[in-house]
Amino acid sequence: VHDLAYPALGIGDGVAQTKKHGVALGALRQPFGKNQDPITARIGHTHGDGTVRVDVDWARWTGCASGTEDALDLARRCVQEWKQFFAVHGLNP
């Protein structure tokens, strides 16, 4: 799944790879391999009064892009992008 076509999944993959390897997996390789500019993403901080919210801080390895996402919103967008990916490729989830 290409993270330019499915940006939320790219950030979600960055969270998984960063948790597993400490940095985005592509950043451990020289050259980067399939992903020329992997995303490193971590839990930023939690906040809220009564309802806790969690932020995900992310950045591309080259530093050309970065941001902060609400974790729940990101998860919802990931689900939608997976559904879109399945539909485009004729897969039945």
Protein backbone atom coordinates (compact mmCIF):
# COMPACT_ATOMS: atom_id res chain seq x y z
CA VAL A 1 0.00 0.00 0.00
CA HIS A 2 1.57 3.26 -1.12
CA ASP A 3 1.42 6.02 1.48
CA LEU A 4 0.88 8.76 -1.12
CA ALA A 5 -2.35 7.12 -2.28
CA TYR A 6 -3.34 6.21 1.29
CA PRO A 7 -1.78 8.83 3.62
CA ALA A 8 -3.42 7.65 6.85
CA LEU A 9 -2.15 4.11 6.25
CA GLY A 10 1.32 5.54 5.66
CA ILE A 11 1.27 7.20 9.08
CA GLY A 12 -0.22 4.07 10.65
CA ASP A 13 2.60 2.01 9.13
CA GLY A 14 5.05 4.56 10.52
CA VAL A 15 3.62 4.01 14.02
CA ALA A 16 3.98 0.22 13.66
CA GLN A 17 7.50 0.35 12.20
CA THR A 18 8.70 2.90 14.76
CA LYS A 19 7.32 0.82 17.64
CA LYS A 20 8.94 -2.33 16.27
CA HIS A 21 12.32 -0.91 15.18
CA GLY A 22 12.69 2.43 16.98
CA VAL A 23 12.62 4.22 13.61
CA ALA A 24 10.79 3.63 10.36
CA LEU A 25 12.08 0.37 8.88
CA GLY A 26 13.13 2.01 5.62
CA ALA A 27 15.40 4.34 7.58
CA LEU A 28 17.49 1.36 8.68
CA ARG A 29 18.37 0.49 5.08
CA GLN A 30 20.76 2.25 2.74
CA PRO A 31 19.29 2.96 0.27
CA PHE A 32 15.79 3.06 1.72
CA GLY A 33 14.42 0.21 -0.39
CA LYS A 34 10.80 0.38 -1.56
CA ASN A 35 9.91 3.39 0.58
CA GLN A 36 12.28 6.19 -0.38
CA ASP A 37 11.07 8.48 2.41
CA PRO A 38 9.66 6.42 5.31
CA ILE A 39 7.58 7.90 8.10
CA THR A 40 8.62 7.73 11.74
CA ALA A 41 5.64 8.19 14.08
CA ARG A 42 5.20 8.11 17.85
CA ILE A 43 2.59 8.88 20.45
CA GLY A 44 3.01 12.59 21.10
CA HIS A 45 0.99 13.26 24.21
CA THR A 46 -2.37 12.69 25.81
CA HIS A 47 -4.71 15.50 26.77
CA GLY A 48 -8.27 16.21 27.67
CA ASP A 49 -10.58 16.84 30.54
CA GLY A 50 -13.00 13.97 31.05
CA THR A 51 -12.32 12.53 27.60
CA VAL A 52 -8.71 11.61 26.94
CA ARG A 53 -7.31 12.28 23.48
CA VAL A 54 -4.01 10.98 22.13
CA ASP A 55 -1.85 12.69 19.52
CA VAL A 56 0.46 10.94 17.05
CA ASP A 57 3.51 12.97 16.01
CA TRP A 58 4.99 11.93 12.66
CA ALA A 59 7.76 12.99 10.32
CA ARG A 60 9.21 11.81 7.04
CA TRP A 61 12.79 10.57 7.38
CA THR A 62 14.11 13.29 5.06
CA GLY A 63 12.35 15.97 7.12
CA CYS A 64 10.33 17.26 4.16
CA ALA A 65 7.00 16.76 5.96
CA SER A 66 5.74 16.29 9.50
CA GLY A 67 2.61 16.74 11.54
CA THR A 68 0.42 15.79 14.46
CA GLU A 69 -2.73 13.69 14.12
CA ASP A 70 -5.45 12.83 16.60
CA ALA A 71 -4.99 9.06 17.09
CA LEU A 72 -8.70 8.20 16.99
CA ASP A 73 -9.27 10.27 13.84
CA LEU A 74 -6.20 8.62 12.28
CA ALA A 75 -7.52 5.14 13.12
CA ARG A 76 -10.88 5.96 11.55
CA ARG A 77 -9.20 7.24 8.39
CA CYS A 78 -7.07 4.08 8.26
CA VAL A 79 -10.22 1.93 8.33
CA GLN A 80 -11.73 3.98 5.49
CA GLU A 81 -8.54 3.75 3.43
CA TRP A 82 -8.36 -0.04 3.92
CA LYS A 83 -11.97 -0.31 2.73
CA GLN A 84 -11.12 1.84 -0.28
CA PHE A 85 -8.00 -0.26 -1.03
CA PHE A 86 -10.04 -3.49 -0.86
CA ALA A 87 -12.72 -2.07 -3.16
CA VAL A 88 -10.20 -0.78 -5.72
CA HIS A 89 -8.50 -4.19 -5.85
CA GLY A 90 -11.69 -6.27 -5.82
CA LEU A 91 -10.97 -7.77 -2.41
CA ASN A 92 -13.67 -8.82 0.02
CA PRO A 93 -12.63 -7.94 3.60
